[in-house]
Amino acid sequence: MSREAMKQPEALRLADALDDEFTQGRISNHSGREAAAELRRLHAINEDLLDALYIVLPYIEYAELDPSYKPGAVSVVTAQISEAIAKATGEK
C-alpha cells in the first residue's frame, strides 16, 4: 500500500484533533466534540457515496453504446462522475 493510500483523511484527522483539544481541556464546551462527530459522520457518508460512484460508473460508461440516449449526454454524466471521484480521492 502506498504512503498516500495510508494517509488519514483530513476530516478524520481534524476530528481527532478536536477530540484531543477537548480531552486536554483546551476547549471546554461540547461543540468541538459535536464537530468531531459530524466530521466522522460526513466522512463515512462520503466513503459510501464514493463506493456507489465506483460501482455505477462502468454501467454508465456502457450506456454510451446505447443508441436510445441522446448523443453526448452520457459522456457528460460520465465526465461529471469521474471528476467527482477525482476530487474525492485527491487526484484533482
Protein backbone atom coordinates (compact mmCIF):
# COMPACT_ATOMS: atom_id res chain seq x y z
CA MET A 1 0.00 0.00 0.00
CA SER A 2 1.40 3.42 -0.93
CA ARG A 3 2.11 6.14 1.61
CA GLU A 4 -0.72 8.27 0.18
CA ALA A 5 -3.16 5.37 0.45
CA MET A 6 -2.29 5.01 4.15
CA LYS A 7 -2.65 8.75 4.92
CA GLN A 8 -5.52 9.55 7.27
CA PRO A 9 -8.30 11.54 5.58
CA GLU A 10 -8.26 15.20 6.60
CA ALA A 11 -11.78 15.08 8.06
CA LEU A 12 -10.77 12.27 10.40
CA ARG A 13 -7.51 13.99 11.33
CA LEU A 14 -9.43 17.15 12.23
CA ALA A 15 -11.98 15.14 14.21
CA ASP A 16 -9.17 13.52 16.21
CA ALA A 17 -7.57 16.94 16.80
CA LEU A 18 -10.87 18.31 18.13
CA ASP A 19 -11.26 15.32 20.42
CA ASP A 20 -7.71 15.83 21.71
CA GLU A 21 -8.39 19.52 22.39
CA PHE A 22 -11.49 18.57 24.38
CA THR A 23 -9.73 15.78 26.30
CA GLN A 24 -6.81 18.04 27.21
CA GLY A 25 -9.19 20.74 28.46
CA ARG A 26 -8.28 23.36 25.86
CA ILE A 27 -11.90 23.56 24.78
CA SER A 28 -14.49 23.33 27.49
CA ASN A 29 -17.80 23.03 25.68
CA HIS A 30 -19.16 20.15 23.69
CA SER A 31 -19.31 21.99 20.36
CA GLY A 32 -15.83 20.71 19.46
CA ARG A 33 -16.90 17.18 20.28
CA GLU A 34 -20.05 17.63 18.20
CA ALA A 35 -17.97 18.97 15.31
CA ALA A 36 -15.68 15.95 15.54
CA ALA A 37 -18.65 13.58 15.46
CA GLU A 38 -20.11 15.44 12.49
CA LEU A 39 -16.80 15.26 10.58
CA ARG A 40 -16.71 11.50 11.15
CA ARG A 41 -20.34 11.12 10.07
CA LEU A 42 -19.79 13.12 6.89
CA HIS A 43 -16.59 11.22 6.11
CA ALA A 44 -18.48 7.92 6.37
CA ILE A 45 -21.20 9.23 4.04
CA ASN A 46 -18.55 10.43 1.57
CA GLU A 47 -16.96 6.98 1.56
CA ASP A 48 -20.34 5.35 0.88
CA LEU A 49 -21.08 7.78 -1.96
CA LEU A 50 -17.64 7.25 -3.46
CA ASP A 51 -18.16 3.48 -3.36
CA ALA A 52 -21.51 3.94 -5.12
CA LEU A 53 -19.88 6.05 -7.84
CA TYR A 54 -17.22 3.40 -8.43
CA ILE A 55 -19.96 0.79 -8.78
CA VAL A 56 -22.22 2.76 -11.13
CA LEU A 57 -19.55 4.31 -13.39
CA PRO A 58 -18.97 1.21 -15.58
CA TYR A 59 -22.71 0.86 -16.17
CA ILE A 60 -22.99 4.47 -17.22
CA GLU A 61 -19.96 4.15 -19.48
CA TYR A 62 -21.60 1.12 -21.08
CA ALA A 63 -24.76 3.17 -21.66
CA GLU A 64 -22.78 5.33 -24.10
CA LEU A 65 -23.18 2.45 -26.55
CA ASP A 66 -26.97 2.56 -26.26
CA PRO A 67 -28.45 4.49 -29.19
CA SER A 68 -31.58 5.39 -27.22
CA TYR A 69 -29.64 8.04 -25.27
CA LYS A 70 -29.08 11.49 -26.70
CA PRO A 71 -25.60 11.61 -28.25
CA GLY A 72 -23.12 13.14 -25.84
CA ALA A 73 -25.47 13.13 -22.85
CA VAL A 74 -24.00 10.01 -21.28
CA SER A 75 -20.44 11.22 -21.78
CA VAL A 76 -21.29 14.42 -19.88
CA VAL A 77 -22.55 12.38 -16.91
CA THR A 78 -19.53 10.07 -17.13
CA ALA A 79 -17.21 13.07 -17.01
CA GLN A 80 -19.06 14.53 -14.02
CA ILE A 81 -18.80 11.26 -12.10
CA SER A 82 -15.13 10.88 -12.96
CA GLU A 83 -14.46 14.45 -11.82
CA ALA A 84 -16.29 13.85 -8.54
CA ILE A 85 -14.24 10.70 -7.92
CA ALA A 86 -11.02 12.59 -8.67
CA LYS A 87 -11.95 15.36 -6.22
CA ALA A 88 -12.93 12.90 -3.51
CA THR A 89 -9.71 10.90 -3.85
CA GLY A 90 -7.44 13.92 -4.16
CA GLU A 91 -6.47 13.08 -7.71
CA LYS A 92 -7.59 16.52 -8.85
